[in-house]
Amino acid sequence: MVLYTCGQKKTGPAFAHPCAKAGKALDAAGYKYEIKVVGGYRMAFWTWGSREDDRTEVKELSGTNEVPILVLDDGEVISGSGTIARWAQEHPAARAATQKD
């Protein structure tokens, strides 16, 4: 499982940044996951020129260059912090591990 973020993966309050919200929701649900940080912050004008290149992989996976996105082990892509948080709450890691056995 891979969480793509802008670099605000777990810092700051979850209500203040979408990437932090997604990371904290996965942590609360008991998941272990890889974090891939992509460049091209929307609010940083100095990254605007490289944003397309920095987020090519994200766009190929999700159809948009916005993060966070979560790529599950089976290849399913979940986009957006609210959707990721809802998925994590509905599919806690302990229950997912039990269903595999």
PDB file of N, CA and C in Angstrom:
ATOM      1  N   MET A   1       0.853  -1.167   0.000  1.00  0.00           N
ATOM      2  CA  MET A   1       0.000   0.000   0.000  1.00  0.00           C
ATOM      3  C   MET A   1       0.903   1.234   0.000  1.00  0.00           C
ATOM      4  N   VAL A   2       0.572   2.177  -0.860  1.00  0.00           N
ATOM      5  CA  VAL A   2       1.385   3.385  -1.003  1.00  0.00           C
ATOM      6  C   VAL A   2       0.491   4.620  -0.882  1.00  0.00           C
ATOM      7  N   LEU A   3       0.887   5.548  -0.021  1.00  0.00           N
ATOM      8  CA  LEU A   3       0.193   6.826   0.114  1.00  0.00           C
ATOM      9  C   LEU A   3       1.052   7.898  -0.542  1.00  0.00           C
ATOM     10  N   TYR A   4       0.519   8.534  -1.566  1.00  0.00           N
ATOM     11  CA  TYR A   4       1.199   9.645  -2.231  1.00  0.00           C
ATOM     12  C   TYR A   4       0.755  10.938  -1.569  1.00  0.00           C
ATOM     13  N   THR A   5       1.733  11.735  -1.137  1.00  0.00           N
ATOM     14  CA  THR A   5       1.431  12.998  -0.466  1.00  0.00           C
ATOM     15  C   THR A   5       2.303  14.115  -1.022  1.00  0.00           C
ATOM     16  N   CYS A   6       2.013  15.314  -0.588  1.00  0.00           N
ATOM     17  CA  CYS A   6       2.787  16.478  -1.009  1.00  0.00           C
ATOM     18  C   CYS A   6       3.940  16.765  -0.066  1.00  0.00           C
ATOM     19  N   GLY A   7       4.096  15.984   0.953  1.00  0.00           N
ATOM     20  CA  GLY A   7       5.152  16.221   1.933  1.00  0.00           C
ATOM     21  C   GLY A   7       4.598  16.511   3.309  1.00  0.00           C
ATOM     22  N   GLN A   8       3.331  16.833   3.387  1.00  0.00           N
ATOM     23  CA  GLN A   8       2.679  17.089   4.670  1.00  0.00           C
ATOM     24  C   GLN A   8       2.057  15.789   5.171  1.00  0.00           C
ATOM     25  N   LYS A   9       2.795  14.706   5.054  1.00  0.00           N
ATOM     26  CA  LYS A   9       2.267  13.374   5.274  1.00  0.00           C
ATOM     27  C   LYS A   9       1.612  13.165   6.630  1.00  0.00           C
ATOM     28  N   LYS A  10       2.238  13.615   7.695  1.00  0.00           N
ATOM     29  CA  LYS A  10       1.653  13.397   9.013  1.00  0.00           C
ATOM     30  C   LYS A  10       1.850  14.590   9.921  1.00  0.00           C
ATOM     31  N   THR A  11       2.346  15.676   9.374  1.00  0.00           N
ATOM     32  CA  THR A  11       2.623  16.825  10.222  1.00  0.00           C
ATOM     33  C   THR A  11       1.405  17.728  10.303  1.00  0.00           C
ATOM     34  N   GLY A  12       1.269  18.346  11.413  1.00  0.00           N
ATOM     35  CA  GLY A  12       0.166  19.284  11.590  1.00  0.00           C
ATOM     36  C   GLY A  12      -1.136  18.573  11.902  1.00  0.00           C
ATOM     37  N   PRO A  13      -2.118  19.340  12.282  1.00  0.00           N
ATOM     38  CA  PRO A  13      -3.413  18.759  12.614  1.00  0.00           C
ATOM     39  C   PRO A  13      -4.108  18.223  11.360  1.00  0.00           C
ATOM     40  N   ALA A  14      -4.767  17.081  11.510  1.00  0.00           N
ATOM     41  CA  ALA A  14      -5.414  16.429  10.370  1.00  0.00           C
ATOM     42  C   ALA A  14      -6.465  17.314   9.717  1.00  0.00           C
ATOM     43  N   PHE A  15      -7.111  18.165  10.482  1.00  0.00           N
ATOM     44  CA  PHE A  15      -8.152  19.015   9.901  1.00  0.00           C
ATOM     45  C   PHE A  15      -7.551  20.113   9.027  1.00  0.00           C
ATOM     46  N   ALA A  16      -6.248  20.371   9.188  1.00  0.00           N
ATOM     47  CA  ALA A  16      -5.632  21.496   8.496  1.00  0.00           C
ATOM     48  C   ALA A  16      -5.021  21.131   7.153  1.00  0.00           C
ATOM     49  N   HIS A  17      -4.701  19.870   6.923  1.00  0.00           N
ATOM     50  CA  HIS A  17      -4.066  19.493   5.670  1.00  0.00           C
ATOM     51  C   HIS A  17      -4.555  18.131   5.203  1.00  0.00           C
ATOM     52  N   PRO A  18      -4.988  18.013   3.956  1.00  0.00           N
ATOM     53  CA  PRO A  18      -5.524  16.750   3.440  1.00  0.00           C
ATOM     54  C   PRO A  18      -4.540  15.588   3.521  1.00  0.00           C
ATOM     55  N   CYS A  19      -3.263  15.807   3.240  1.00  0.00           N
ATOM     56  CA  CYS A  19      -2.296  14.707   3.283  1.00  0.00           C
ATOM     57  C   CYS A  19      -2.122  14.199   4.711  1.00  0.00           C
ATOM     58  N   ALA A  20      -2.107  15.106   5.684  1.00  0.00           N
ATOM     59  CA  ALA A  20      -2.015  14.708   7.086  1.00  0.00           C
ATOM     60  C   ALA A  20      -3.260  13.932   7.500  1.00  0.00           C
ATOM     61  N   LYS A  21      -4.419  14.361   7.041  1.00  0.00           N
ATOM     62  CA  LYS A  21      -5.667  13.670   7.369  1.00  0.00           C
ATOM     63  C   LYS A  21      -5.628  12.229   6.874  1.00  0.00           C
ATOM     64  N   ALA A  22      -5.172  12.023   5.662  1.00  0.00           N
ATOM     65  CA  ALA A  22      -5.109  10.672   5.090  1.00  0.00           C
ATOM     66  C   ALA A  22      -4.124   9.804   5.864  1.00  0.00           C
ATOM     67  N   GLY A  23      -2.933  10.326   6.132  1.00  0.00           N
ATOM     68  CA  GLY A  23      -1.929   9.563   6.864  1.00  0.00           C
ATOM     69  C   GLY A  23      -2.378   9.199   8.267  1.00  0.00           C
ATOM     70  N   LYS A  24      -2.968  10.138   8.957  1.00  0.00           N
ATOM     71  CA  LYS A  24      -3.419   9.882  10.321  1.00  0.00           C
ATOM     72  C   LYS A  24      -4.568   8.880  10.351  1.00  0.00           C
ATOM     73  N   ALA A  25      -5.437   8.906   9.343  1.00  0.00           N
ATOM     74  CA  ALA A  25      -6.545   7.937   9.273  1.00  0.00           C
ATOM     75  C   ALA A  25      -6.007   6.525   9.059  1.00  0.00           C
ATOM     76  N   LEU A  26      -5.005   6.387   8.203  1.00  0.00           N
ATOM     77  CA  LEU A  26      -4.402   5.074   7.972  1.00  0.00           C
ATOM     78  C   LEU A  26      -3.697   4.582   9.231  1.00  0.00           C
ATOM     79  N   ASP A  27      -3.017   5.476   9.930  1.00  0.00           N
ATOM     80  CA  ASP A  27      -2.358   5.109  11.183  1.00  0.00           C
ATOM     81  C   ASP A  27      -3.384   4.638  12.205  1.00  0.00           C
ATOM     82  N   ALA A  28      -4.481   5.385  12.346  1.00  0.00           N
ATOM     83  CA  ALA A  28      -5.518   5.047  13.317  1.00  0.00           C
ATOM     84  C   ALA A  28      -6.157   3.700  13.008  1.00  0.00           C
ATOM     85  N   ALA A  29      -6.216   3.336  11.728  1.00  0.00           N
ATOM     86  CA  ALA A  29      -6.806   2.060  11.328  1.00  0.00           C
ATOM     87  C   ALA A  29      -5.800   0.919  11.418  1.00  0.00           C
ATOM     88  N   GLY A  30      -4.551   1.233  11.777  1.00  0.00           N
ATOM     89  CA  GLY A  30      -3.557   0.196  11.996  1.00  0.00           C
ATOM     90  C   GLY A  30      -2.779  -0.249  10.776  1.00  0.00           C
ATOM     91  N   TYR A  31      -2.744   0.560   9.737  1.00  0.00           N
ATOM     92  CA  TYR A  31      -2.044   0.183   8.508  1.00  0.00           C
ATOM     93  C   TYR A  31      -0.578   0.553   8.538  1.00  0.00           C
ATOM     94  N   LYS A  32       0.219  -0.278   7.908  1.00  0.00           N
ATOM     95  CA  LYS A  32       1.611   0.032   7.597  1.00  0.00           C
ATOM     96  C   LYS A  32       1.632   0.285   6.098  1.00  0.00           C
ATOM     97  N   TYR A  33       2.283   1.353   5.679  1.00  0.00           N
ATOM     98  CA  TYR A  33       2.233   1.744   4.273  1.00  0.00           C
ATOM     99  C   TYR A  33       3.478   2.529   3.921  1.00  0.00           C
ATOM    100  N   GLU A  34       3.773   2.541   2.646  1.00  0.00           N
ATOM    101  CA  GLU A  34       4.879   3.331   2.125  1.00  0.00           C
ATOM    102  C   GLU A  34       4.363   4.732   1.815  1.00  0.00           C
ATOM    103  N   ILE A  35       5.197   5.728   2.027  1.00  0.00           N
ATOM    104  CA  ILE A  35       4.842   7.103   1.671  1.00  0.00           C
ATOM    105  C   ILE A  35       5.716   7.538   0.503  1.00  0.00           C
ATOM    106  N   LYS A  36       5.081   8.038  -0.543  1.00  0.00           N
ATOM    107  CA  LYS A  36       5.807   8.629  -1.664  1.00  0.00           C
ATOM    108  C   LYS A  36       5.457  10.108  -1.705  1.00  0.00           C
ATOM    109  N   VAL A  37       6.466  10.931  -1.548  1.00  0.00           N
ATOM    110  CA  VAL A  37       6.276  12.374  -1.560  1.00  0.00           C
ATOM    111  C   VAL A  37       6.485  12.873  -2.983  1.00  0.00           C
ATOM    112  N   VAL A  38       5.533  13.654  -3.464  1.00  0.00           N
ATOM    113  CA  VAL A  38       5.641  14.255  -4.795  1.00  0.00           C
ATOM    114  C   VAL A  38       5.744  15.766  -4.647  1.00  0.00           C
ATOM    115  N   GLY A  39       6.435  16.395  -5.568  1.00  0.00           N
ATOM    116  CA  GLY A  39       6.613  17.842  -5.530  1.00  0.00           C
ATOM    117  C   GLY A  39       5.445  18.558  -6.180  1.00  0.00           C
ATOM    118  N   GLY A  40       5.609  19.838  -6.337  1.00  0.00           N
ATOM    119  CA  GLY A  40       4.611  20.633  -7.030  1.00  0.00           C
ATOM    120  C   GLY A  40       3.503  21.151  -6.146  1.00  0.00           C
ATOM    121  N   TYR A  41       3.869  21.714  -5.018  1.00  0.00           N
ATOM    122  CA  TYR A  41       2.859  22.277  -4.113  1.00  0.00           C
ATOM    123  C   TYR A  41       2.029  23.338  -4.824  1.00  0.00           C
ATOM    124  N   ARG A  42       0.730  23.268  -4.662  1.00  0.00           N
ATOM    125  CA  ARG A  42      -0.181  24.199  -5.333  1.00  0.00           C
ATOM    126  C   ARG A  42       0.048  25.637  -4.882  1.00  0.00           C
ATOM    127  N   MET A  43       0.327  25.841  -3.609  1.00  0.00           N
ATOM    128  CA  MET A  43       0.434  27.190  -3.066  1.00  0.00           C
ATOM    129  C   MET A  43       1.842  27.774  -3.199  1.00  0.00           C
ATOM    130  N   ALA A  44       2.796  27.001  -3.671  1.00  0.00           N
ATOM    131  CA  ALA A  44       4.165  27.485  -3.811  1.00  0.00           C
ATOM    132  C   ALA A  44       4.426  27.821  -5.275  1.00  0.00           C
ATOM    133  N   PHE A  45       4.385  29.080  -5.596  1.00  0.00           N
ATOM    134  CA  PHE A  45       4.481  29.498  -6.994  1.00  0.00           C
ATOM    135  C   PHE A  45       5.764  29.013  -7.656  1.00  0.00           C
ATOM    136  N   TRP A  46       6.829  28.826  -6.888  1.00  0.00           N
ATOM    137  CA  TRP A  46       8.099  28.398  -7.473  1.00  0.00           C
ATOM    138  C   TRP A  46       8.069  26.934  -7.934  1.00  0.00           C
ATOM    139  N   THR A  47       7.015  26.180  -7.579  1.00  0.00           N
ATOM    140  CA  THR A  47       6.907  24.788  -8.042  1.00  0.00           C
ATOM    141  C   THR A  47       5.948  24.639  -9.220  1.00  0.00           C
ATOM    142  N   TRP A  48       5.279  25.708  -9.594  1.00  0.00           N
ATOM    143  CA  TRP A  48       4.264  25.611 -10.649  1.00  0.00           C
ATOM    144  C   TRP A  48       4.851  25.095 -11.965  1.00  0.00           C
ATOM    145  N   GLY A  49       6.064  25.496 -12.301  1.00  0.00           N
ATOM    146  CA  GLY A  49       6.665  25.071 -13.560  1.00  0.00           C
ATOM    147  C   GLY A  49       6.965  23.585 -13.623  1.00  0.00           C
ATOM    148  N   SER A  50       7.218  22.964 -12.479  1.00  0.00           N
ATOM    149  CA  SER A  50       7.574  21.544 -12.460  1.00  0.00           C
ATOM    150  C   SER A  50       6.430  20.650 -11.993  1.00  0.00           C
ATOM    151  N   ARG A  51       5.289  21.236 -11.658  1.00  0.00           N
ATOM    152  CA  ARG A  51       4.189  20.462 -11.079  1.00  0.00           C
ATOM    153  C   ARG A  51       3.747  19.305 -11.967  1.00  0.00           C
ATOM    154  N   GLU A  52       3.586  19.531 -13.265  1.00  0.00           N
ATOM    155  CA  GLU A  52       3.155  18.459 -14.175  1.00  0.00           C
ATOM    156  C   GLU A  52       4.146  17.306 -14.156  1.00  0.00           C
ATOM    157  N   ASP A  53       5.430  17.628 -14.260  1.00  0.00           N
ATOM    158  CA  ASP A  53       6.453  16.584 -14.265  1.00  0.00           C
ATOM    159  C   ASP A  53       6.539  15.875 -12.925  1.00  0.00           C
ATOM    160  N   ASP A  54       6.471  16.632 -11.838  1.00  0.00           N
ATOM    161  CA  ASP A  54       6.590  16.059 -10.500  1.00  0.00           C
ATOM    162  C   ASP A  54       5.442  15.110 -10.168  1.00  0.00           C
ATOM    163  N   ARG A  55       4.306  15.327 -10.806  1.00  0.00           N
ATOM    164  CA  ARG A  55       3.121  14.532 -10.457  1.00  0.00           C
ATOM    165  C   ARG A  55       2.625  13.645 -11.600  1.00  0.00           C
ATOM    166  N   THR A  56       3.481  13.342 -12.540  1.00  0.00           N
ATOM    167  CA  THR A  56       3.103  12.495 -13.669  1.00  0.00           C
ATOM    168  C   THR A  56       2.594  11.140 -13.201  1.00  0.00           C
ATOM    169  N   GLU A  57       3.310  10.507 -12.281  1.00  0.00           N
ATOM    170  CA  GLU A  57       2.907   9.186 -11.786  1.00  0.00           C
ATOM    171  C   GLU A  57       1.540   9.239 -11.112  1.00  0.00           C
ATOM    172  N   VAL A  58       1.309  10.282 -10.319  1.00  0.00           N
ATOM    173  CA  VAL A  58       0.019  10.437  -9.641  1.00  0.00           C
ATOM    174  C   VAL A  58      -1.100  10.565 -10.669  1.00  0.00           C
ATOM    175  N   LYS A  59      -0.866  11.358 -11.708  1.00  0.00           N
ATOM    176  CA  LYS A  59      -1.887  11.550 -12.741  1.00  0.00           C
ATOM    177  C   LYS A  59      -2.164  10.249 -13.494  1.00  0.00           C
ATOM    178  N   GLU A  60      -1.128   9.469 -13.772  1.00  0.00           N
ATOM    179  CA  GLU A  60      -1.316   8.184 -14.447  1.00  0.00           C
ATOM    180  C   GLU A  60      -2.141   7.227 -13.594  1.00  0.00           C
ATOM    181  N   LEU A  61      -1.944   7.264 -12.295  1.00  0.00           N
ATOM    182  CA  LEU A  61      -2.653   6.364 -11.393  1.00  0.00           C
ATOM    183  C   LEU A  61      -4.102   6.780 -11.145  1.00  0.00           C
ATOM    184  N   SER A  62      -4.312   8.088 -10.987  1.00  0.00           N
ATOM    185  CA  SER A  62      -5.622   8.547 -10.513  1.00  0.00           C
ATOM    186  C   SER A  62      -6.412   9.391 -11.506  1.00  0.00           C
ATOM    187  N   GLY A  63      -5.764   9.855 -12.567  1.00  0.00           N
ATOM    188  CA  GLY A  63      -6.449  10.726 -13.513  1.00  0.00           C
ATOM    189  C   GLY A  63      -6.400  12.194 -13.132  1.00  0.00           C
ATOM    190  N   THR A  64      -5.813  12.509 -11.993  1.00  0.00           N
ATOM    191  CA  THR A  64      -5.658  13.886 -11.543  1.00  0.00           C
ATOM    192  C   THR A  64      -4.268  14.039 -10.944  1.00  0.00           C
ATOM    193  N   ASN A  65      -3.794  15.253 -10.845  1.00  0.00           N
ATOM    194  CA  ASN A  65      -2.477  15.437 -10.232  1.00  0.00           C
ATOM    195  C   ASN A  65      -2.579  15.883  -8.775  1.00  0.00           C
ATOM    196  N   GLU A  66      -3.748  15.737  -8.206  1.00  0.00           N
ATOM    197  CA  GLU A  66      -3.960  16.124  -6.807  1.00  0.00           C
ATOM    198  C   GLU A  66      -3.627  14.970  -5.862  1.00  0.00           C
ATOM    199  N   VAL A  67      -3.063  15.276  -4.733  1.00  0.00           N
ATOM    200  CA  VAL A  67      -2.793  14.301  -3.678  1.00  0.00           C
ATOM    201  C   VAL A  67      -3.539  14.726  -2.424  1.00  0.00           C
ATOM    202  N   PRO A  68      -3.829  13.821  -1.534  1.00  0.00           N
ATOM    203  CA  PRO A  68      -3.315  12.472  -1.427  1.00  0.00           C
ATOM    204  C   PRO A  68      -4.093  11.475  -2.283  1.00  0.00           C
ATOM    205  N   ILE A  69      -3.367  10.427  -2.675  1.00  0.00           N
ATOM    206  CA  ILE A  69      -4.001   9.237  -3.230  1.00  0.00           C
ATOM    207  C   ILE A  69      -3.391   8.030  -2.528  1.00  0.00           C
ATOM    208  N   LEU A  70      -4.191   6.987  -2.415  1.00  0.00           N
ATOM    209  CA  LEU A  70      -3.754   5.742  -1.805  1.00  0.00           C
ATOM    210  C   LEU A  70      -3.860   4.655  -2.853  1.00  0.00           C
ATOM    211  N   VAL A  71      -2.778   3.914  -3.055  1.00  0.00           N
ATOM    212  CA  VAL A  71      -2.791   2.788  -3.982  1.00  0.00           C
ATOM    213  C   VAL A  71      -2.707   1.523  -3.143  1.00  0.00           C
ATOM    214  N   LEU A  72      -3.775   0.728  -3.195  1.00  0.00           N
ATOM    215  CA  LEU A  72      -3.827  -0.511  -2.424  1.00  0.00           C
ATOM    216  C   LEU A  72      -2.959  -1.578  -3.076  1.00  0.00           C
ATOM    217  N   ASP A  73      -2.681  -2.632  -2.342  1.00  0.00           N
ATOM    218  CA  ASP A  73      -1.827  -3.705  -2.848  1.00  0.00           C
ATOM    219  C   ASP A  73      -2.395  -4.369  -4.101  1.00  0.00           C
ATOM    220  N   ASP A  74      -3.718  -4.347  -4.256  1.00  0.00           N
ATOM    221  CA  ASP A  74      -4.331  -4.954  -5.441  1.00  0.00           C
ATOM    222  C   ASP A  74      -4.403  -3.986  -6.621  1.00  0.00           C
ATOM    223  N   GLY A  75      -3.857  -2.765  -6.445  1.00  0.00           N
ATOM    224  CA  GLY A  75      -3.828  -1.776  -7.517  1.00  0.00           C
ATOM    225  C   GLY A  75      -4.977  -0.782  -7.494  1.00  0.00           C
ATOM    226  N   GLU A  76      -5.968  -0.995  -6.640  1.00  0.00           N
ATOM    227  CA  GLU A  76      -7.078  -0.040  -6.534  1.00  0.00           C
ATOM    228  C   GLU A  76      -6.540   1.304  -6.047  1.00  0.00           C
ATOM    229  N   VAL A  77      -7.054   2.392  -6.630  1.00  0.00           N
ATOM    230  CA  VAL A  77      -6.620   3.737  -6.269  1.00  0.00           C
ATOM    231  C   VAL A  77      -7.772   4.463  -5.575  1.00  0.00           C
ATOM    232  N   ILE A  78      -7.467   5.043  -4.433  1.00  0.00           N
ATOM    233  CA  ILE A  78      -8.443   5.816  -3.671  1.00  0.00           C
ATOM    234  C   ILE A  78      -7.924   7.246  -3.622  1.00  0.00           C
ATOM    235  N   SER A  79      -8.708   8.186  -4.104  1.00  0.00           N
ATOM    236  CA  SER A  79      -8.289   9.583  -4.209  1.00  0.00           C
ATOM    237  C   SER A  79      -9.000  10.455  -3.195  1.00  0.00           C
ATOM    238  N   GLY A  80      -8.264  11.377  -2.615  1.00  0.00           N
ATOM    239  CA  GLY A  80      -8.834  12.385  -1.732  1.00  0.00           C
ATOM    240  C   GLY A  80      -8.775  11.982  -0.274  1.00  0.00           C
ATOM    241  N   SER A  81      -8.507  12.956   0.569  1.00  0.00           N
ATOM    242  CA  SER A  81      -8.328  12.680   1.995  1.00  0.00           C
ATOM    243  C   SER A  81      -9.581  12.141   2.663  1.00  0.00           C
ATOM    244  N   GLY A  82     -10.732  12.705   2.334  1.00  0.00           N
ATOM    245  CA  GLY A  82     -11.975  12.230   2.949  1.00  0.00           C
ATOM    246  C   GLY A  82     -12.294  10.804   2.552  1.00  0.00           C
ATOM    247  N   THR A  83     -12.089  10.479   1.295  1.00  0.00           N
ATOM    248  CA  THR A  83     -12.356   9.132   0.801  1.00  0.00           C
ATOM    249  C   THR A  83     -11.376   8.132   1.412  1.00  0.00           C
ATOM    250  N   ILE A  84     -10.108   8.526   1.507  1.00  0.00           N
ATOM    251  CA  ILE A  84      -9.104   7.654   2.131  1.00  0.00           C
ATOM    252  C   ILE A  84      -9.434   7.434   3.599  1.00  0.00           C
ATOM    253  N   ALA A  85      -9.782   8.495   4.318  1.00  0.00           N
ATOM    254  CA  ALA A  85     -10.122   8.375   5.744  1.00  0.00           C
ATOM    255  C   ALA A  85     -11.342   7.483   5.937  1.00  0.00           C
ATOM    256  N   ARG A  86     -12.346   7.640   5.100  1.00  0.00           N
ATOM    257  CA  ARG A  86     -13.551   6.813   5.196  1.00  0.00           C
ATOM    258  C   ARG A  86     -13.214   5.350   4.909  1.00  0.00           C
ATOM    259  N   TRP A  87     -12.407   5.095   3.878  1.00  0.00           N
ATOM    260  CA  TRP A  87     -12.005   3.732   3.542  1.00  0.00           C
ATOM    261  C   TRP A  87     -11.252   3.098   4.707  1.00  0.00           C
ATOM    262  N   ALA A  88     -10.312   3.829   5.302  1.00  0.00           N
ATOM    263  CA  ALA A  88      -9.522   3.303   6.416  1.00  0.00           C
ATOM    264  C   ALA A  88     -10.407   2.958   7.605  1.00  0.00           C
ATOM    265  N   GLN A  89     -11.380   3.811   7.876  1.00  0.00           N
ATOM    266  CA  GLN A  89     -12.290   3.559   9.001  1.00  0.00           C
ATOM    267  C   GLN A  89     -13.167   2.337   8.735  1.00  0.00           C
ATOM    268  N   GLU A  90     -13.599   2.174   7.495  1.00  0.00           N
ATOM    269  CA  GLU A  90     -14.470   1.048   7.146  1.00  0.00           C
ATOM    270  C   GLU A  90     -13.707  -0.263   6.953  1.00  0.00           C
ATOM    271  N   HIS A  91     -12.386  -0.191   6.775  1.00  0.00           N
ATOM    272  CA  HIS A  91     -11.560  -1.376   6.527  1.00  0.00           C
ATOM    273  C   HIS A  91     -10.336  -1.378   7.442  1.00  0.00           C
ATOM    274  N   PRO A  92     -10.529  -1.480   8.759  1.00  0.00           N
ATOM    275  CA  PRO A  92      -9.361  -1.455   9.651  1.00  0.00           C
ATOM    276  C   PRO A  92      -8.412  -2.606   9.345  1.00  0.00           C
ATOM    277  N   ALA A  93      -7.132  -2.398   9.575  1.00  0.00           N
ATOM    278  CA  ALA A  93      -6.095  -3.375   9.228  1.00  0.00           C
ATOM    279  C   ALA A  93      -6.307  -4.712   9.912  1.00  0.00           C
ATOM    280  N   ALA A  94      -6.701  -4.714  11.176  1.00  0.00           N
ATOM    281  CA  ALA A  94      -6.893  -5.975  11.889  1.00  0.00           C
ATOM    282  C   ALA A  94      -7.967  -6.822  11.227  1.00  0.00           C
ATOM    283  N   ARG A  95      -9.051  -6.197  10.816  1.00  0.00           N
ATOM    284  CA  ARG A  95     -10.134  -6.927  10.147  1.00  0.00           C
ATOM    285  C   ARG A  95      -9.679  -7.414   8.780  1.00  0.00           C
ATOM    286  N   ALA A  96      -8.929  -6.596   8.058  1.00  0.00           N
ATOM    287  CA  ALA A  96      -8.433  -6.989   6.742  1.00  0.00           C
ATOM    288  C   ALA A  96      -7.501  -8.192   6.846  1.00  0.00           C
ATOM    289  N   ALA A  97      -6.658  -8.236   7.871  1.00  0.00           N
ATOM    290  CA  ALA A  97      -5.742  -9.361   8.054  1.00  0.00           C
ATOM    291  C   ALA A  97      -6.501 -10.631   8.390  1.00  0.00           C
ATOM    292  N   THR A  98      -7.557 -10.523   9.189  1.00  0.00           N
ATOM    293  CA  THR A  98      -8.367 -11.662   9.554  1.00  0.00           C
ATOM    294  C   THR A  98      -9.078 -12.247   8.340  1.00  0.00           C
ATOM    295  N   GLN A  99      -9.563 -11.398   7.445  1.00  0.00           N
ATOM    296  CA  GLN A  99     -10.286 -11.857   6.260  1.00  0.00           C
ATOM    297  C   GLN A  99      -9.366 -12.572   5.286  1.00  0.00           C
ATOM    298  N   LYS A 100      -8.049 -12.281   5.299  1.00  0.00           N
ATOM    299  CA  LYS A 100      -7.110 -12.944   4.390  1.00  0.00           C
ATOM    300  C   LYS A 100      -6.809 -14.359   4.842  1.00  0.00           C
ATOM    301  N   ASP A 101      -6.883 -14.617   6.141  1.00  0.00           N
ATOM    302  CA  ASP A 101      -6.534 -15.944   6.699  1.00  0.00           C
ATOM    303  C   ASP A 101      -7.539 -17.010   6.377  1.00  0.00           C
TER     304      ASP A 101
END
